[in-house]
Protein backbone atom coordinates (compact mmCIF):
# COMPACT_ATOMS: atom_id res chain seq x y z
CA MET A 1 89.93 22.02 -45.73
CA THR A 2 92.78 24.48 -44.79
CA ASP A 3 96.18 24.67 -46.11
CA ARG A 4 97.00 24.54 -42.59
CA ALA A 5 95.70 20.89 -42.18
CA THR A 6 96.99 19.86 -45.31
CA GLN A 7 100.63 20.49 -43.96
CA ARG A 8 100.12 18.70 -40.68
CA HIS A 9 101.56 15.03 -40.80
CA LEU A 10 99.70 12.90 -38.15
CA LEU A 11 100.65 9.40 -36.97
CA VAL A 12 98.01 7.06 -35.91
CA VAL A 13 99.06 4.10 -33.68
CA ASP A 14 96.46 1.37 -33.06
CA ASP A 15 96.57 -2.22 -33.12
CA ASP A 16 92.64 -2.48 -34.01
CA ASP A 17 92.53 -2.19 -37.85
CA ARG A 18 88.94 -1.16 -38.00
CA ILE A 19 89.78 1.97 -35.64
CA ARG A 20 93.12 2.75 -37.51
CA GLU A 21 91.47 2.51 -40.90
CA LEU A 22 88.52 4.81 -39.72
CA LEU A 23 90.89 7.42 -38.04
CA LYS A 24 92.96 7.61 -41.07
CA GLN A 25 90.06 8.24 -43.65
CA TYR A 26 88.44 11.06 -41.37
CA LEU A 27 91.41 12.82 -40.71
CA SER A 28 92.73 12.53 -44.57
CA ARG A 29 89.12 13.92 -45.43
CA ALA A 30 89.68 16.83 -42.98
CA GLY A 31 92.87 17.48 -44.88
CA PHE A 32 95.63 15.93 -43.05
CA ARG A 33 98.30 13.53 -44.13
CA VAL A 34 97.96 10.63 -41.99
CA THR A 35 100.48 7.77 -41.67
CA THR A 36 99.34 4.56 -39.64
CA ALA A 37 101.16 1.97 -37.46
CA ALA A 38 99.86 -1.18 -35.94
CA ASP A 39 101.99 -1.42 -33.26
CA ALA A 40 104.64 0.72 -31.29
CA ALA A 41 107.94 -1.27 -33.00
CA THR A 42 106.36 -0.05 -36.28
CA ALA A 43 105.69 3.57 -34.74
CA ARG A 44 109.62 3.65 -33.60
CA ARG A 45 110.65 2.98 -37.38
CA LEU A 46 108.27 5.46 -38.57
CA LEU A 47 109.38 8.39 -35.92
CA ALA A 48 112.95 7.36 -36.53
CA ALA A 49 112.45 8.35 -40.49
CA LEU A 50 109.87 10.70 -40.38
CA ASP A 51 108.80 14.38 -38.97
CA PHE A 52 105.39 13.98 -37.64
CA ASP A 53 103.16 17.28 -36.14
CA LEU A 54 101.14 14.95 -33.90
CA LEU A 55 100.76 11.17 -32.59
CA VAL A 56 97.42 9.61 -32.04
CA LEU A 57 98.20 6.70 -29.48
CA ASP A 58 96.16 3.92 -28.45
CA VAL A 59 97.49 2.85 -24.84
CA MET A 60 96.70 -0.69 -24.89
CA MET A 61 98.43 -2.68 -27.79
CA PRO A 62 99.99 -6.09 -27.84
CA GLY A 63 103.84 -5.92 -26.86
CA GLU A 64 105.24 -2.36 -26.09
CA ASP A 65 102.26 -0.22 -24.99
CA GLY A 66 101.32 3.24 -25.43
CA PHE A 67 102.74 4.39 -22.11
CA SER A 68 106.15 3.18 -23.11
CA LEU A 69 105.95 4.40 -26.51
CA THR A 70 105.19 7.85 -25.06
CA ARG A 71 108.16 7.58 -22.64
CA TRP A 72 110.64 6.81 -25.29
CA LEU A 73 109.32 9.58 -27.47
CA ARG A 74 109.95 12.06 -24.76
CA THR A 75 113.38 11.17 -24.36
CA ARG A 76 114.42 11.85 -28.00
CA ALA A 77 116.50 14.67 -28.51
CA GLY A 78 115.65 17.90 -30.24
CA GLU A 79 111.99 18.52 -31.93
CA ALA A 80 111.47 15.13 -32.40
CA GLY A 81 110.64 14.26 -28.58
CA LEU A 82 108.44 17.32 -28.57
CA ALA A 83 105.64 16.18 -30.92
CA PRO A 84 102.24 16.30 -29.28
CA VAL A 85 100.54 13.51 -28.36
CA LEU A 86 96.82 12.73 -27.81
CA ILE A 87 96.24 9.23 -26.29
CA LEU A 88 93.22 6.89 -26.56
CA THR A 89 92.29 5.11 -23.53
CA ALA A 90 89.70 2.77 -22.20
CA LYS A 91 86.59 4.65 -20.91
CA ASP A 92 86.53 2.89 -17.57
CA ARG A 93 90.43 3.39 -16.77
CA PRO A 94 90.91 6.70 -15.23
CA LEU A 95 94.30 5.88 -14.23
CA GLU A 96 95.51 5.54 -17.76
CA ARG A 97 94.44 9.28 -18.45
CA ILE A 98 96.56 10.32 -15.48
CA GLU A 99 99.43 8.06 -16.28
CA GLY A 100 99.13 9.35 -20.11
CA LEU A 101 99.55 13.06 -18.89
CA SER A 102 102.25 12.69 -16.34
CA LEU A 103 104.27 10.92 -19.31
CA GLY A 104 103.85 13.86 -21.29
CA ALA A 105 100.69 13.10 -23.45
CA ASP A 106 98.92 16.77 -24.31
CA ASP A 107 95.41 15.28 -24.20
CA TYR A 108 93.39 12.17 -24.10
CA LEU A 109 90.18 10.54 -25.53
CA ALA A 110 88.22 7.87 -24.06
CA LYS A 111 86.77 4.83 -26.05
CA PRO A 112 84.59 4.62 -27.72
CA PHE A 113 84.87 8.14 -29.09
CA GLU A 114 83.09 10.13 -32.07
CA PRO A 115 85.35 10.94 -34.89
CA LYS A 116 84.28 14.46 -34.79
CA GLU A 117 85.38 14.61 -30.93
CA LEU A 118 88.79 13.51 -31.95
CA LEU A 119 89.25 15.82 -34.61
CA LEU A 120 88.32 18.93 -32.49
CA ARG A 121 90.70 17.84 -30.03
CA VAL A 122 93.66 17.19 -32.64
CA GLU A 123 92.94 20.75 -33.79
CA ALA A 124 93.01 22.28 -30.51
CA ILE A 125 96.54 20.71 -29.76
CA LEU A 126 97.90 22.08 -32.88
CA ARG A 127 96.54 25.24 -32.20
CA ARG A 128 98.23 25.61 -28.87
CA VAL A 129 101.16 24.17 -29.96
CA ALA A 130 101.34 26.93 -32.87
CA VAL A 131 101.15 29.87 -30.29
CA MET A 132 103.28 28.48 -27.96
CA PRO A 133 107.22 29.25 -27.98
CA PRO A 134 109.77 26.54 -28.93
CA SER A 135 110.75 24.70 -25.33
CA PRO A 136 114.50 25.80 -24.44
CA ARG A 137 116.75 22.51 -24.67
CA GLU A 138 118.46 23.73 -21.53
CA ILE A 139 116.84 25.41 -18.46
CA ARG A 140 118.83 27.66 -15.98
CA LEU A 141 118.26 27.28 -11.98
CA GLY A 142 120.65 29.23 -10.75
CA HIS A 143 123.79 27.39 -10.03
CA CYS A 144 122.31 24.40 -12.02
CA ARG A 145 121.53 23.75 -15.57
CA PHE A 146 119.36 20.88 -16.54
CA ASP A 147 119.63 19.39 -20.17
CA MET A 148 115.98 18.43 -21.01
CA ALA A 149 116.71 16.25 -23.92
CA ARG A 150 119.47 14.52 -22.17
CA GLY A 151 118.15 14.48 -18.74
CA GLU A 152 121.50 15.62 -17.28
CA LEU A 153 121.45 18.07 -14.44
CA THR A 154 124.81 20.00 -13.44
CA ALA A 155 125.57 22.07 -10.76
CA ASN A 156 128.24 24.55 -11.21
CA GLY A 157 129.23 22.54 -14.25
CA ALA A 158 129.67 19.26 -12.26
CA PRO A 159 127.07 16.47 -12.81
CA MET A 160 124.45 15.77 -10.40
CA ARG A 161 123.14 12.42 -10.29
CA LEU A 162 119.51 12.00 -10.95
CA THR A 163 117.37 9.00 -10.60
CA GLU A 164 114.94 7.94 -13.43
CA ALA A 165 111.95 9.13 -11.34
CA GLU A 166 113.47 12.69 -10.68
CA THR A 167 114.50 12.78 -14.23
CA ARG A 168 110.88 12.59 -15.51
CA LEU A 169 109.47 14.52 -12.88
CA LEU A 170 111.97 17.49 -13.59
CA ARG A 171 111.04 17.39 -17.48
CA LYS A 172 107.42 17.30 -16.67
CA LEU A 173 107.77 20.56 -14.56
CA ALA A 174 110.07 22.11 -16.82
CA ARG A 175 107.82 21.25 -19.75
CA ALA A 176 105.30 23.45 -17.95
CA ALA A 177 107.87 25.83 -16.61
CA HIS A 178 106.10 28.89 -14.64
CA ALA A 179 102.71 27.00 -14.72
CA ALA A 180 101.52 24.81 -11.51
CA VAL A 181 101.08 20.93 -12.50
CA GLU A 182 98.93 19.20 -10.27
CA ARG A 183 100.01 16.43 -8.00
CA SER A 184 97.69 13.87 -9.68
CA ALA A 185 99.68 14.83 -12.95
CA LEU A 186 103.01 14.36 -11.30
CA ALA A 187 102.17 11.32 -9.66
CA GLY A 188 103.41 9.07 -12.83
CA ALA A 189 106.16 11.24 -13.73
CA GLY A 190 107.55 10.68 -10.49
CA GLY A 191 107.38 6.82 -10.77
CA VAL A 192 104.44 5.91 -8.39
CA ASN A 193 101.04 4.79 -9.20
CA ALA A 194 98.16 7.33 -9.11
CA ASN A 195 96.68 6.04 -6.02
CA LEU A 196 96.10 6.89 -2.25
CA GLY A 197 99.22 7.93 -1.21
CA ALA A 198 100.59 9.06 -4.57
CA GLY A 199 100.56 12.56 -3.43
CA ARG A 200 102.90 12.27 -0.64
CA ALA A 201 105.18 10.24 -2.76
CA VAL A 202 105.61 13.30 -5.11
CA ASP A 203 106.46 15.39 -2.27
CA ILE A 204 109.04 13.21 -1.24
CA GLN A 205 110.38 13.24 -4.57
CA VAL A 206 110.07 17.08 -4.66
CA THR A 207 111.91 17.39 -1.64
CA ARG A 208 114.79 15.43 -2.81
CA LEU A 209 115.09 17.32 -6.23
CA ARG A 210 115.06 20.36 -3.97
CA ARG A 211 118.20 19.32 -2.03
CA LYS A 212 120.17 19.20 -5.54
CA ILE A 213 118.96 22.36 -7.26
CA GLU A 214 118.27 24.68 -4.26
CA ILE A 215 120.80 26.71 -2.53
CA ASP A 216 118.18 26.81 0.66
CA PRO A 217 115.68 23.75 0.27
CA ALA A 218 113.83 24.90 2.90
CA ASN A 219 112.99 28.34 1.30
CA PRO A 220 112.71 27.18 -2.68
CA ARG A 221 113.53 29.87 -5.08
CA TYR A 222 113.06 27.71 -8.22
CA LEU A 223 110.66 24.87 -7.47
CA LYS A 224 107.85 26.19 -5.57
CA THR A 225 104.61 24.89 -4.14
CA VAL A 226 101.34 25.98 -5.05
CA ARG A 227 99.11 25.09 -2.43
CA GLY A 228 96.07 23.23 -2.93
CA ARG A 229 97.36 22.52 -6.42
CA GLY A 230 100.80 20.76 -6.78
CA TYR A 231 104.23 22.62 -7.90
CA MET A 232 105.59 24.91 -10.20
CA LEU A 233 109.11 25.32 -11.78
CA VAL A 234 110.44 28.82 -12.37
CA PRO A 235 113.73 28.58 -13.91
CA ASP A 236 115.80 31.80 -14.78
């Protein structure tokens, strides 16, 4: 057990009592402080009152599911909305993994899983977060500004209307600024299902965004195509 682990507070959200208790015991023995919730409503109340270093979040829960909770988390202002998320998905549902990552999850683990693997993934995420510079609240794209927390875009100080899908897509690209983001990861963020034709739908959303943020959408300076992969946002 390390001092670093002892300082980390994790939130485990899973409606399965057995899995929730198993994870609490295992992660606590590894030196983490662990709080648990059986549903998204309880998790929201805890998140409103406490700060967490990482969430372990089941996808399939009664009532509000893990996707909706992840989406809500990423809309929260400040550091609270940036807490890393490890999602737990059904083994035979690859689309769940894609959707979770597109909504802002940092990693996924398929059920059933070994507790040791979960611990290693938690530690890997926390290591990445520790060396990453803090995400800016606002990014600059020439004459445009995008407030990541509020999801608001302005051009020369005037508000620009974004659809919900465009906001999610721009947030996803902004969080990975200067790095290519795969089309499959952007599919859910753009409000489309990750199936046949999803890549084309992402291309359409990107074209619409370029019309709003680029001086010359045909020759984009800020929202670039990465051939064979996807797109990359290059803010000032």
